[in-house]
Amino acid sequence: MIKLYTDAATRGNPGPSAAGVLVVTDTEQIQLKFPLGQMSNHEAEFAAALIAFQQLPKYAQPNESIFFFTDSKIVDNSLTTGYAKNFQAYVDQINAIQDQFSLVISQWLPERDNHGAHNLANQALHAM
């Protein structure tokens, strides 16, 4: 089982943005930070999720269960329904990667419970 946490940080809206990804396996925690460039806060959340799933094959096998956590309700709802009015390209790319794994469960969590990914996103934003 892999737990995948993501968050984005944006200075302004739109503005410079960054992503934080925390991958938790049975044996380790992998902390990843990525600059995203100029975008809205919603796009940054989708970009963070996409980057997380793009990194996932490095840490997970196709037969593993993936639990994906985000504090973005729009990302969680869009991945659950498979539809996002303005961000469908992100949803399609993420779903294509999810199809490589036997089980992927998306779960919204409150921002206060997403400290790891939140801190990584802020660190990446401040480093820009």
Protein backbone atom coordinates (compact mmCIF):
# COMPACT_ATOMS: atom_id res chain seq x y z
CA MET A 1 0.00 0.00 0.00
CA ILE A 2 1.26 3.44 -0.97
CA LYS A 3 -0.03 6.71 0.45
CA LEU A 4 0.38 9.68 -1.86
CA TYR A 5 -0.13 13.21 -0.51
CA THR A 6 -0.05 16.37 -2.65
CA ASP A 7 -0.43 20.08 -2.18
CA ALA A 8 0.26 23.24 -4.12
CA ALA A 9 1.30 26.71 -3.04
CA THR A 10 0.63 29.82 -5.11
CA ARG A 11 1.75 33.39 -4.47
CA GLY A 12 -1.06 35.46 -5.94
CA ASN A 13 -3.82 34.03 -8.08
CA PRO A 14 -2.56 33.50 -10.66
CA GLY A 15 1.07 33.67 -9.64
CA PRO A 16 4.24 31.68 -9.08
CA SER A 17 3.30 28.19 -7.96
CA ALA A 18 4.96 25.07 -6.59
CA ALA A 19 4.02 21.52 -5.67
CA GLY A 20 4.80 19.30 -2.73
CA VAL A 21 4.48 15.52 -2.91
CA LEU A 22 4.85 13.07 -0.04
CA VAL A 23 5.06 9.38 -0.92
CA VAL A 24 4.68 7.03 2.04
CA THR A 25 5.57 3.37 1.52
CA ASP A 26 5.84 0.55 4.04
CA THR A 27 9.52 1.35 4.51
CA GLU A 28 10.12 5.02 3.74
CA GLN A 29 8.81 8.53 3.18
CA ILE A 30 9.89 10.31 0.02
CA GLN A 31 9.65 14.09 -0.01
CA LEU A 32 9.49 15.80 -3.40
CA LYS A 33 9.29 19.49 -4.34
CA PHE A 34 8.63 20.98 -7.77
CA PRO A 35 8.40 24.54 -9.13
CA LEU A 36 5.37 24.88 -11.41
CA GLY A 37 5.65 28.37 -12.86
CA GLN A 38 2.81 30.88 -13.25
CA MET A 39 -0.71 29.49 -12.80
CA SER A 40 -3.90 29.73 -10.77
CA ASN A 41 -4.23 27.98 -7.44
CA HIS A 42 -6.66 25.41 -8.89
CA GLU A 43 -4.38 24.60 -11.82
CA ALA A 44 -1.46 24.27 -9.40
CA GLU A 45 -3.42 21.70 -7.36
CA PHE A 46 -4.11 19.67 -10.53
CA ALA A 47 -0.47 20.01 -11.62
CA ALA A 48 0.68 18.80 -8.19
CA ALA A 49 -1.57 15.75 -8.47
CA LEU A 50 -0.33 14.99 -11.99
CA ILE A 51 3.32 15.26 -10.95
CA ALA A 52 2.65 12.97 -7.99
CA PHE A 53 1.13 10.31 -10.23
CA GLN A 54 3.95 10.73 -12.77
CA GLN A 55 6.45 10.02 -9.97
CA LEU A 56 4.46 7.10 -8.56
CA PRO A 57 5.83 4.31 -10.84
CA LYS A 58 9.27 4.91 -9.28
CA TYR A 59 7.93 3.85 -5.88
CA ALA A 60 4.94 1.56 -6.51
CA GLN A 61 4.28 -1.70 -8.31
CA PRO A 62 1.20 -2.12 -10.55
CA ASN A 63 -0.37 -4.59 -8.09
CA GLU A 64 -0.17 -2.14 -5.15
CA SER A 65 -3.08 -0.21 -3.73
CA ILE A 66 -2.68 3.56 -3.91
CA PHE A 67 -4.34 5.92 -1.48
CA PHE A 68 -4.21 9.46 -2.87
CA PHE A 69 -4.79 12.38 -0.49
CA THR A 70 -5.38 16.01 -1.45
CA ASP A 71 -6.74 19.02 0.41
CA SER A 72 -8.22 20.31 -2.86
CA LYS A 73 -11.92 19.46 -3.11
CA ILE A 74 -11.96 20.26 -6.84
CA VAL A 75 -9.14 17.78 -7.50
CA ASP A 76 -10.72 15.07 -5.37
CA ASN A 77 -14.16 15.56 -6.92
CA SER A 78 -12.75 15.70 -10.45
CA LEU A 79 -10.73 12.52 -10.06
CA THR A 80 -13.69 10.74 -8.50
CA THR A 81 -16.10 11.76 -11.28
CA GLY A 82 -13.53 11.78 -14.10
CA TYR A 83 -14.57 15.29 -15.12
CA ALA A 84 -13.22 18.81 -14.60
CA LYS A 85 -14.68 21.60 -16.70
CA ASN A 86 -11.50 23.65 -17.05
CA PHE A 87 -8.90 21.01 -16.16
CA GLN A 88 -9.98 17.93 -18.11
CA ALA A 89 -6.53 17.44 -19.65
CA TYR A 90 -5.07 16.99 -16.16
CA VAL A 91 -7.84 14.57 -15.17
CA ASP A 92 -7.33 12.50 -18.32
CA GLN A 93 -3.56 12.28 -17.79
CA ILE A 94 -3.95 11.36 -14.12
CA ASN A 95 -6.60 8.73 -14.91
CA ALA A 96 -4.32 7.17 -17.53
CA ILE A 97 -1.59 6.75 -14.92
CA GLN A 98 -4.08 5.49 -12.32
CA ASP A 99 -5.12 2.77 -14.76
CA GLN A 100 -1.64 1.25 -14.36
CA PHE A 101 -2.45 0.30 -10.75
CA SER A 102 -4.89 -2.29 -9.44
CA LEU A 103 -6.62 0.08 -7.01
CA VAL A 104 -6.48 3.86 -6.55
CA ILE A 105 -8.62 5.58 -3.94
CA SER A 106 -8.82 9.36 -3.92
CA GLN A 107 -9.57 11.04 -0.60
CA TRP A 108 -10.03 14.68 0.33
CA LEU A 109 -8.51 15.66 3.65
CA PRO A 110 -8.56 18.98 5.51
CA GLU A 111 -5.57 21.25 4.97
CA ARG A 112 -4.64 20.88 8.64
CA ASP A 113 -4.09 17.14 8.05
CA ASN A 114 -1.87 17.60 4.99
CA HIS A 115 1.18 19.12 6.71
CA GLY A 116 3.85 17.11 4.92
CA ALA A 117 2.86 17.98 1.35
CA HIS A 118 1.87 21.51 2.40
CA ASN A 119 5.30 22.23 3.88
CA LEU A 120 7.05 20.81 0.82
CA ALA A 121 4.98 22.99 -1.53
CA ASN A 122 5.76 26.09 0.52
CA GLN A 123 9.47 25.25 0.60
CA ALA A 124 9.48 24.88 -3.18
CA LEU A 125 7.62 28.17 -3.61
CA HIS A 126 10.01 30.07 -1.35
CA ALA A 127 12.98 28.64 -3.25
CA MET A 128 11.72 30.10 -6.55
